[in-house]
Amino acid sequence: MTDALLLTTTPAPWLPEGSSAETWVGHDCQVDEPVIVTRLLIVRRKSAAAWEFFCVPSPKGANLPTRYVWADHAGESSQDGKSQLMREIFGHADLATRCMGFVRNVVPRPDANYEYPSPRAHIPVHLILGNAEPAVPGEWFDLNRAQAELSQQHWWRIVEHFLATAA
């Protein structure tokens, strides 16, 4: 079952000319292959009406826990990549997840610099269900701080949709 809805389509200057990035959101999205990057959304209640989500440090600043399954781990399936990412973040992979959305790169004409599948490649965001405490350094963001500091991230609209509809 899937409830994915197309939220935005934007030109993607980081992709070959004529390409776009679509943002799909829902509460139980099915993601088509190929998956090139997988991300985890780890949340906790800050108060009765507010949520926080967890980010890890990265060279470009705070980021959702992320694993590049296409380039860095060639041949790794999307399920194996998600399981390995959970092991890296929690120390085990026996956690239930649900896909809350994905970014779809739409690349009708790849160029020599584009290393990923075309015409489509997917980057899902998987919500960790239940209570699980990350075993790695990171920080928690509430909606206000995240809007100020992280709203330029490709995954932001997916997280924002979750935070707005989860209450």
N, C-alpha and C. Protein backbone atom coordinates (compact mmCIF):
# COMPACT_ATOMS: atom_id res chain seq x y z
N MET A 1 0.84 -1.18 0.00
CA MET A 1 0.00 0.00 0.00
C MET A 1 0.89 1.25 0.00
N THR A 2 0.42 2.27 -0.67
CA THR A 2 1.16 3.53 -0.66
C THR A 2 0.18 4.68 -0.65
N ASP A 3 0.56 5.74 0.01
CA ASP A 3 -0.25 6.95 0.01
C ASP A 3 0.58 8.14 -0.45
N ALA A 4 1.60 7.90 -1.23
CA ALA A 4 2.51 8.95 -1.66
C ALA A 4 1.80 9.99 -2.52
N LEU A 5 2.03 11.26 -2.16
CA LEU A 5 1.50 12.38 -2.91
C LEU A 5 2.66 13.26 -3.35
N LEU A 6 2.62 13.69 -4.60
CA LEU A 6 3.65 14.58 -5.12
C LEU A 6 3.45 15.95 -4.50
N LEU A 7 4.44 16.42 -3.75
CA LEU A 7 4.35 17.71 -3.07
C LEU A 7 4.97 18.82 -3.91
N THR A 8 6.16 18.59 -4.43
CA THR A 8 6.83 19.61 -5.24
C THR A 8 7.62 18.98 -6.37
N THR A 9 7.77 19.73 -7.43
CA THR A 9 8.71 19.43 -8.51
C THR A 9 9.51 20.69 -8.73
N THR A 10 10.83 20.58 -8.62
CA THR A 10 11.67 21.77 -8.76
C THR A 10 12.80 21.48 -9.74
N PRO A 11 13.23 22.52 -10.45
CA PRO A 11 14.44 22.36 -11.27
C PRO A 11 15.59 21.96 -10.34
N ALA A 12 16.50 21.17 -10.85
CA ALA A 12 17.59 20.65 -10.02
C ALA A 12 18.93 21.01 -10.65
N PRO A 13 19.48 22.18 -10.30
CA PRO A 13 20.74 22.60 -10.92
C PRO A 13 21.92 21.70 -10.60
N TRP A 14 21.81 20.85 -9.58
CA TRP A 14 22.88 19.92 -9.24
C TRP A 14 22.83 18.66 -10.11
N LEU A 15 21.77 18.53 -10.90
CA LEU A 15 21.61 17.40 -11.81
C LEU A 15 21.84 17.88 -13.25
N PRO A 16 21.99 16.95 -14.20
CA PRO A 16 22.19 17.38 -15.60
C PRO A 16 21.06 18.30 -16.09
N GLU A 17 21.39 19.12 -17.05
CA GLU A 17 20.43 20.08 -17.59
C GLU A 17 19.13 19.40 -17.99
N GLY A 18 18.02 20.05 -17.67
CA GLY A 18 16.70 19.51 -18.00
C GLY A 18 16.15 18.56 -16.95
N SER A 19 16.88 18.36 -15.86
CA SER A 19 16.45 17.43 -14.81
C SER A 19 15.64 18.17 -13.75
N SER A 20 14.95 17.39 -12.93
CA SER A 20 14.18 17.96 -11.83
C SER A 20 14.24 17.02 -10.63
N ALA A 21 13.84 17.56 -9.50
CA ALA A 21 13.73 16.77 -8.27
C ALA A 21 12.29 16.85 -7.79
N GLU A 22 11.68 15.71 -7.60
CA GLU A 22 10.32 15.63 -7.08
C GLU A 22 10.38 15.26 -5.61
N THR A 23 9.52 15.86 -4.80
CA THR A 23 9.40 15.49 -3.40
C THR A 23 8.03 14.87 -3.21
N TRP A 24 8.04 13.63 -2.75
CA TRP A 24 6.81 12.87 -2.48
C TRP A 24 6.68 12.68 -0.98
N VAL A 25 5.47 12.83 -0.44
CA VAL A 25 5.23 12.67 0.99
C VAL A 25 4.04 11.75 1.22
N GLY A 26 3.98 11.20 2.43
CA GLY A 26 2.87 10.35 2.83
C GLY A 26 3.14 9.81 4.21
N HIS A 27 2.42 8.79 4.57
CA HIS A 27 2.65 8.13 5.86
C HIS A 27 2.96 6.65 5.68
N ASP A 28 2.90 6.18 4.44
CA ASP A 28 3.24 4.80 4.13
C ASP A 28 3.53 4.71 2.64
N CYS A 29 4.66 5.26 2.24
CA CYS A 29 5.01 5.35 0.83
C CYS A 29 5.76 4.11 0.36
N GLN A 30 5.42 3.68 -0.81
CA GLN A 30 6.20 2.63 -1.47
C GLN A 30 7.20 3.33 -2.38
N VAL A 31 8.45 2.91 -2.31
CA VAL A 31 9.49 3.54 -3.11
C VAL A 31 9.93 2.57 -4.18
N ASP A 32 9.95 3.04 -5.40
CA ASP A 32 10.43 2.22 -6.50
C ASP A 32 11.95 2.18 -6.49
N GLU A 33 12.51 1.13 -7.06
CA GLU A 33 13.93 1.06 -7.31
C GLU A 33 14.23 1.87 -8.56
N PRO A 34 15.39 2.35 -8.75
CA PRO A 34 16.55 2.19 -7.88
C PRO A 34 16.58 3.23 -6.76
N VAL A 35 17.08 2.78 -5.61
CA VAL A 35 17.33 3.66 -4.48
C VAL A 35 18.83 3.94 -4.47
N ILE A 36 19.19 5.23 -4.40
CA ILE A 36 20.61 5.58 -4.44
C ILE A 36 21.12 6.05 -3.08
N VAL A 37 20.22 6.55 -2.25
CA VAL A 37 20.56 7.03 -0.91
C VAL A 37 19.38 6.65 -0.02
N THR A 38 19.66 6.26 1.22
CA THR A 38 18.58 6.01 2.16
C THR A 38 18.82 6.83 3.42
N ARG A 39 17.73 7.31 4.01
CA ARG A 39 17.83 8.17 5.19
C ARG A 39 16.86 7.68 6.26
N LEU A 40 17.20 7.98 7.52
CA LEU A 40 16.34 7.63 8.65
C LEU A 40 15.80 8.89 9.29
N LEU A 41 14.53 8.84 9.66
CA LEU A 41 13.89 9.89 10.44
C LEU A 41 13.62 9.32 11.83
N ILE A 42 14.34 9.85 12.80
CA ILE A 42 14.23 9.40 14.19
C ILE A 42 13.57 10.54 14.96
N VAL A 43 12.43 10.27 15.57
CA VAL A 43 11.69 11.33 16.24
C VAL A 43 11.42 10.97 17.69
N ARG A 44 11.15 12.02 18.46
CA ARG A 44 10.68 11.85 19.83
C ARG A 44 9.80 13.06 20.15
N ARG A 45 8.92 12.86 21.11
CA ARG A 45 8.05 13.96 21.54
C ARG A 45 8.81 14.90 22.45
N LYS A 46 8.78 16.17 22.12
CA LYS A 46 9.37 17.20 22.95
C LYS A 46 8.36 17.63 24.01
N SER A 47 7.09 17.69 23.61
CA SER A 47 5.98 18.01 24.50
C SER A 47 4.74 17.34 23.90
N ALA A 48 3.60 17.54 24.53
CA ALA A 48 2.38 16.89 24.04
C ALA A 48 2.07 17.26 22.59
N ALA A 49 2.44 18.45 22.18
CA ALA A 49 2.09 18.90 20.84
C ALA A 49 3.29 19.10 19.92
N ALA A 50 4.49 18.77 20.36
CA ALA A 50 5.67 19.06 19.54
C ALA A 50 6.59 17.85 19.47
N TRP A 51 7.21 17.70 18.31
CA TRP A 51 8.16 16.64 18.03
C TRP A 51 9.54 17.23 17.82
N GLU A 52 10.55 16.39 18.01
CA GLU A 52 11.92 16.69 17.64
C GLU A 52 12.41 15.55 16.75
N PHE A 53 13.41 15.84 15.93
CA PHE A 53 14.01 14.79 15.12
C PHE A 53 15.52 14.89 15.24
N PHE A 54 16.17 13.76 14.98
CA PHE A 54 17.60 13.59 15.23
C PHE A 54 18.40 13.77 13.94
N CYS A 55 19.50 14.50 14.06
CA CYS A 55 20.45 14.67 12.96
C CYS A 55 21.85 14.32 13.44
N VAL A 56 22.65 13.86 12.52
CA VAL A 56 24.04 13.55 12.79
C VAL A 56 24.91 14.60 12.11
N PRO A 57 26.13 14.81 12.62
CA PRO A 57 27.03 15.75 11.94
C PRO A 57 27.49 15.18 10.61
N SER A 58 27.67 16.06 9.64
CA SER A 58 28.20 15.66 8.34
C SER A 58 29.10 16.79 7.84
N PRO A 59 29.88 16.56 6.81
CA PRO A 59 30.76 17.63 6.30
C PRO A 59 30.00 18.90 5.90
N LYS A 60 28.72 18.76 5.54
CA LYS A 60 27.92 19.92 5.14
C LYS A 60 26.97 20.38 6.24
N GLY A 61 27.22 19.97 7.48
CA GLY A 61 26.35 20.35 8.59
C GLY A 61 25.44 19.22 9.01
N ALA A 62 24.46 19.54 9.85
CA ALA A 62 23.54 18.52 10.37
C ALA A 62 22.76 17.88 9.23
N ASN A 63 22.57 16.57 9.35
CA ASN A 63 21.89 15.81 8.30
C ASN A 63 21.15 14.65 8.95
N LEU A 64 20.07 14.20 8.32
CA LEU A 64 19.46 12.96 8.76
C LEU A 64 20.49 11.84 8.62
N PRO A 65 20.42 10.81 9.45
CA PRO A 65 21.31 9.67 9.24
C PRO A 65 21.14 9.14 7.80
N THR A 66 22.26 9.00 7.11
CA THR A 66 22.24 8.78 5.66
C THR A 66 23.23 7.70 5.27
N ARG A 67 22.84 6.90 4.29
CA ARG A 67 23.74 5.91 3.69
C ARG A 67 23.60 5.99 2.18
N TYR A 68 24.73 6.14 1.50
CA TYR A 68 24.77 6.19 0.05
C TYR A 68 24.92 4.76 -0.46
N VAL A 69 23.84 4.19 -0.93
CA VAL A 69 23.87 2.78 -1.32
C VAL A 69 24.28 2.57 -2.77
N TRP A 70 24.24 3.60 -3.58
CA TRP A 70 24.56 3.40 -4.99
C TRP A 70 26.05 3.54 -5.24
N ALA A 71 26.61 4.69 -4.94
CA ALA A 71 28.02 4.94 -5.27
C ALA A 71 28.97 4.33 -4.26
N ASP A 72 28.73 4.58 -2.97
CA ASP A 72 29.66 4.14 -1.93
C ASP A 72 29.60 2.63 -1.68
N HIS A 73 28.45 2.04 -1.87
CA HIS A 73 28.26 0.62 -1.57
C HIS A 73 27.59 -0.06 -2.76
N ALA A 74 28.23 0.02 -3.89
CA ALA A 74 27.68 -0.52 -5.13
C ALA A 74 27.23 -1.96 -4.94
N GLY A 75 26.07 -2.24 -5.44
CA GLY A 75 25.54 -3.59 -5.35
C GLY A 75 24.72 -3.84 -4.10
N GLU A 76 24.71 -2.90 -3.17
CA GLU A 76 23.93 -3.06 -1.94
C GLU A 76 22.47 -2.76 -2.24
N SER A 77 21.58 -3.65 -1.86
CA SER A 77 20.16 -3.41 -2.08
C SER A 77 19.68 -2.30 -1.16
N SER A 78 18.54 -1.72 -1.49
CA SER A 78 18.00 -0.65 -0.64
C SER A 78 17.66 -1.19 0.75
N GLN A 79 17.16 -2.41 0.84
CA GLN A 79 16.84 -3.00 2.15
C GLN A 79 18.11 -3.25 2.95
N ASP A 80 19.15 -3.78 2.30
CA ASP A 80 20.41 -4.01 2.98
C ASP A 80 21.03 -2.69 3.44
N GLY A 81 20.93 -1.65 2.60
CA GLY A 81 21.45 -0.34 2.97
C GLY A 81 20.73 0.23 4.17
N LYS A 82 19.41 0.09 4.20
CA LYS A 82 18.63 0.58 5.35
C LYS A 82 19.00 -0.20 6.60
N SER A 83 19.14 -1.50 6.50
CA SER A 83 19.52 -2.32 7.66
C SER A 83 20.91 -1.95 8.16
N GLN A 84 21.85 -1.75 7.26
CA GLN A 84 23.21 -1.37 7.66
C GLN A 84 23.21 0.01 8.32
N LEU A 85 22.42 0.94 7.80
CA LEU A 85 22.33 2.26 8.39
C LEU A 85 21.77 2.18 9.81
N MET A 86 20.76 1.33 10.04
CA MET A 86 20.23 1.15 11.39
C MET A 86 21.29 0.57 12.32
N ARG A 87 22.10 -0.38 11.83
CA ARG A 87 23.20 -0.92 12.65
C ARG A 87 24.19 0.17 13.02
N GLU A 88 24.50 1.04 12.07
CA GLU A 88 25.44 2.12 12.33
C GLU A 88 24.89 3.11 13.36
N ILE A 89 23.62 3.38 13.33
CA ILE A 89 23.02 4.41 14.19
C ILE A 89 22.57 3.85 15.54
N PHE A 90 22.05 2.62 15.54
CA PHE A 90 21.48 2.04 16.77
C PHE A 90 22.26 0.85 17.33
N GLY A 91 23.12 0.26 16.51
CA GLY A 91 23.84 -0.93 16.94
C GLY A 91 23.12 -2.22 16.61
N HIS A 92 21.92 -2.12 16.04
CA HIS A 92 21.14 -3.29 15.61
C HIS A 92 20.17 -2.85 14.52
N ALA A 93 19.62 -3.82 13.81
CA ALA A 93 18.77 -3.49 12.66
C ALA A 93 17.36 -4.06 12.79
N ASP A 94 16.97 -4.42 14.00
CA ASP A 94 15.66 -5.07 14.17
C ASP A 94 14.56 -4.06 14.52
N LEU A 95 14.60 -2.91 13.88
CA LEU A 95 13.63 -1.85 14.13
C LEU A 95 12.64 -1.78 12.98
N ALA A 96 11.39 -1.54 13.31
CA ALA A 96 10.37 -1.37 12.28
C ALA A 96 10.46 0.04 11.71
N THR A 97 10.19 0.16 10.43
CA THR A 97 10.22 1.46 9.76
C THR A 97 9.01 1.59 8.85
N ARG A 98 8.79 2.82 8.45
CA ARG A 98 7.76 3.12 7.46
C ARG A 98 8.29 4.29 6.64
N CYS A 99 8.15 4.25 5.35
CA CYS A 99 8.64 5.32 4.49
C CYS A 99 7.67 6.50 4.55
N MET A 100 8.22 7.67 4.91
CA MET A 100 7.41 8.89 5.04
C MET A 100 7.49 9.78 3.80
N GLY A 101 8.29 9.39 2.86
CA GLY A 101 8.41 10.14 1.63
C GLY A 101 9.74 9.88 0.97
N PHE A 102 9.92 10.48 -0.18
CA PHE A 102 11.16 10.29 -0.91
C PHE A 102 11.37 11.45 -1.88
N VAL A 103 12.62 11.67 -2.21
CA VAL A 103 12.98 12.57 -3.30
C VAL A 103 13.25 11.68 -4.50
N ARG A 104 12.70 12.08 -5.62
CA ARG A 104 12.94 11.36 -6.87
C ARG A 104 13.69 12.29 -7.82
N ASN A 105 14.91 11.91 -8.16
CA ASN A 105 15.65 12.63 -9.20
C ASN A 105 15.12 12.16 -10.54
N VAL A 106 14.72 13.10 -11.37
CA VAL A 106 14.23 12.78 -12.72
C VAL A 106 15.25 13.36 -13.69
N VAL A 107 15.97 12.45 -14.36
CA VAL A 107 17.09 12.83 -15.22
C VAL A 107 16.84 12.22 -16.61
N PRO A 108 16.15 12.96 -17.48
CA PRO A 108 15.83 12.40 -18.80
C PRO A 108 17.03 12.22 -19.71
N ARG A 109 18.06 13.09 -19.54
CA ARG A 109 19.25 13.01 -20.38
C ARG A 109 20.49 13.10 -19.50
N PRO A 110 20.99 11.98 -19.00
CA PRO A 110 22.19 12.04 -18.16
C PRO A 110 23.40 12.52 -18.97
N ASP A 111 24.31 13.18 -18.27
CA ASP A 111 25.55 13.58 -18.92
C ASP A 111 26.69 12.72 -18.36
N ALA A 112 27.90 12.98 -18.81
CA ALA A 112 29.05 12.16 -18.42
C ALA A 112 29.36 12.26 -16.93
N ASN A 113 28.95 13.32 -16.27
CA ASN A 113 29.22 13.50 -14.84
C ASN A 113 28.17 12.86 -13.94
N TYR A 114 27.06 12.44 -14.49
CA TYR A 114 25.98 11.87 -13.68
C TYR A 114 26.21 10.37 -13.54
N GLU A 115 26.45 9.92 -12.30
CA GLU A 115 26.84 8.53 -12.03
C GLU A 115 25.70 7.63 -11.61
N TYR A 116 24.49 8.15 -11.56
CA TYR A 116 23.37 7.40 -11.01
C TYR A 116 22.43 6.91 -12.11
N PRO A 117 21.51 6.04 -11.74
CA PRO A 117 20.55 5.55 -12.74
C PRO A 117 19.67 6.68 -13.27
N SER A 118 19.19 6.48 -14.48
CA SER A 118 18.25 7.42 -15.07
C SER A 118 17.20 6.60 -15.82
N PRO A 119 16.03 7.08 -16.03
CA PRO A 119 15.64 8.47 -15.84
C PRO A 119 15.21 8.82 -14.41
N ARG A 120 15.12 7.81 -13.52
CA ARG A 120 14.70 8.10 -12.14
C ARG A 120 15.64 7.44 -11.14
N ALA A 121 15.83 8.12 -10.01
CA ALA A 121 16.58 7.56 -8.89
C ALA A 121 15.92 8.09 -7.61
N HIS A 122 15.86 7.24 -6.59
CA HIS A 122 15.07 7.57 -5.40
C HIS A 122 15.90 7.67 -4.13
N ILE A 123 15.43 8.55 -3.24
CA ILE A 123 16.09 8.79 -1.95
C ILE A 123 14.99 8.78 -0.88
N PRO A 124 14.69 7.62 -0.29
CA PRO A 124 13.62 7.54 0.69
C PRO A 124 14.04 8.01 2.08
N VAL A 125 13.03 8.44 2.85
CA VAL A 125 13.20 8.80 4.26
C VAL A 125 12.31 7.84 5.06
N HIS A 126 12.97 6.99 5.87
CA HIS A 126 12.27 5.95 6.64
C HIS A 126 12.13 6.38 8.09
N LEU A 127 10.89 6.44 8.56
CA LEU A 127 10.61 6.75 9.96
C LEU A 127 10.89 5.52 10.81
N ILE A 128 11.64 5.70 11.89
CA ILE A 128 11.84 4.62 12.86
C ILE A 128 10.60 4.59 13.75
N LEU A 129 9.93 3.45 13.79
CA LEU A 129 8.72 3.30 14.60
C LEU A 129 9.10 2.87 16.00
N GLY A 130 8.39 3.37 16.98
CA GLY A 130 8.68 3.02 18.37
C GLY A 130 9.79 3.89 18.91
N ASN A 131 10.19 3.58 20.12
CA ASN A 131 11.23 4.35 20.80
C ASN A 131 12.58 3.66 20.62
N ALA A 132 13.50 4.39 20.04
CA ALA A 132 14.86 3.88 19.87
C ALA A 132 15.81 5.06 20.03
N GLU A 133 16.79 4.88 20.87
CA GLU A 133 17.76 5.95 21.15
C GLU A 133 19.01 5.74 20.30
N PRO A 134 19.39 6.74 19.51
CA PRO A 134 20.60 6.61 18.70
C PRO A 134 21.83 6.37 19.58
N ALA A 135 22.76 5.58 19.07
CA ALA A 135 23.99 5.26 19.79
C ALA A 135 25.18 6.04 19.24
N VAL A 136 24.90 7.07 18.46
CA VAL A 136 25.95 7.88 17.85
C VAL A 136 25.73 9.34 18.24
N PRO A 137 26.79 10.16 18.16
CA PRO A 137 26.62 11.58 18.47
C PRO A 137 25.70 12.26 17.46
N GLY A 138 24.98 13.23 17.93
CA GLY A 138 24.08 13.99 17.08
C GLY A 138 23.32 15.00 17.90
N GLU A 139 22.34 15.62 17.30
CA GLU A 139 21.54 16.59 18.02
C GLU A 139 20.09 16.53 17.56
N TRP A 140 19.21 16.98 18.46
CA TRP A 140 17.78 16.97 18.22
C TRP A 140 17.34 18.37 17.78
N PHE A 141 16.47 18.42 16.78
CA PHE A 141 15.95 19.67 16.24
C PHE A 141 14.44 19.71 16.41
N ASP A 142 13.93 20.88 16.86
CA ASP A 142 12.49 21.07 16.83
C ASP A 142 12.14 21.79 15.54
N LEU A 143 10.86 21.98 15.30
CA LEU A 143 10.40 22.56 14.04
C LEU A 143 10.98 23.95 13.80
N ASN A 144 10.95 24.81 14.79
CA ASN A 144 11.43 26.18 14.60
C ASN A 144 12.91 26.23 14.27
N ARG A 145 13.71 25.53 15.04
CA ARG A 145 15.15 25.53 14.78
C ARG A 145 15.45 24.90 13.42
N ALA A 146 14.76 23.83 13.11
CA ALA A 146 14.99 23.15 11.84
C ALA A 146 14.63 24.04 10.65
N GLN A 147 13.51 24.76 10.75
CA GLN A 147 13.14 25.66 9.65
C GLN A 147 14.23 26.70 9.42
N ALA A 148 14.81 27.19 10.49
CA ALA A 148 15.85 28.21 10.37
C ALA A 148 17.16 27.65 9.84
N GLU A 149 17.52 26.42 10.24
CA GLU A 149 18.85 25.89 9.94
C GLU A 149 18.90 24.82 8.85
N LEU A 150 17.78 24.12 8.60
CA LEU A 150 17.84 22.95 7.73
C LEU A 150 16.87 22.98 6.54
N SER A 151 16.17 24.08 6.37
CA SER A 151 15.11 24.11 5.35
C SER A 151 15.64 24.02 3.91
N GLN A 152 16.93 24.13 3.71
CA GLN A 152 17.50 24.00 2.36
C GLN A 152 17.87 22.55 2.02
N GLN A 153 17.76 21.66 2.99
CA GLN A 153 18.05 20.24 2.73
C GLN A 153 16.99 19.64 1.81
N HIS A 154 17.39 18.74 0.94
CA HIS A 154 16.45 18.12 0.00
C HIS A 154 15.35 17.34 0.73
N TRP A 155 15.66 16.82 1.89
CA TRP A 155 14.70 16.01 2.64
C TRP A 155 13.80 16.85 3.54
N TRP A 156 14.03 18.15 3.64
CA TRP A 156 13.31 18.98 4.60
C TRP A 156 11.79 18.92 4.43
N ARG A 157 11.29 19.00 3.22
CA ARG A 157 9.83 19.02 3.02
C ARG A 157 9.18 17.73 3.53
N ILE A 158 9.90 16.62 3.45
CA ILE A 158 9.37 15.35 3.96
C ILE A 158 9.28 15.40 5.48
N VAL A 159 10.34 15.85 6.13
CA VAL A 159 10.34 15.96 7.59
C VAL A 159 9.31 16.99 8.04
N GLU A 160 9.25 18.12 7.38
CA GLU A 160 8.27 19.14 7.74
C GLU A 160 6.85 18.61 7.63
N HIS A 161 6.57 17.85 6.58
CA HIS A 161 5.23 17.25 6.40
C HIS A 161 4.94 16.32 7.56
N PHE A 162 5.90 15.48 7.94
CA PHE A 162 5.68 14.59 9.07
C PHE A 162 5.40 15.37 10.34
N LEU A 163 6.23 16.36 10.65
CA LEU A 163 6.07 17.14 11.88
C LEU A 163 4.72 17.85 11.91
N ALA A 164 4.23 18.31 10.76
CA ALA A 164 2.96 19.03 10.69
C ALA A 164 1.76 18.11 10.82
N THR A 165 1.92 16.85 10.43
CA THR A 165 0.76 15.94 10.44
C THR A 165 0.79 14.90 11.54
N ALA A 166 1.88 14.83 12.30
CA ALA A 166 2.03 13.77 13.31
C ALA A 166 1.31 14.07 14.62
N ALA A 167 1.03 15.32 14.89
CA ALA A 167 0.46 15.71 16.19
C ALA A 167 -0.90 15.10 16.45
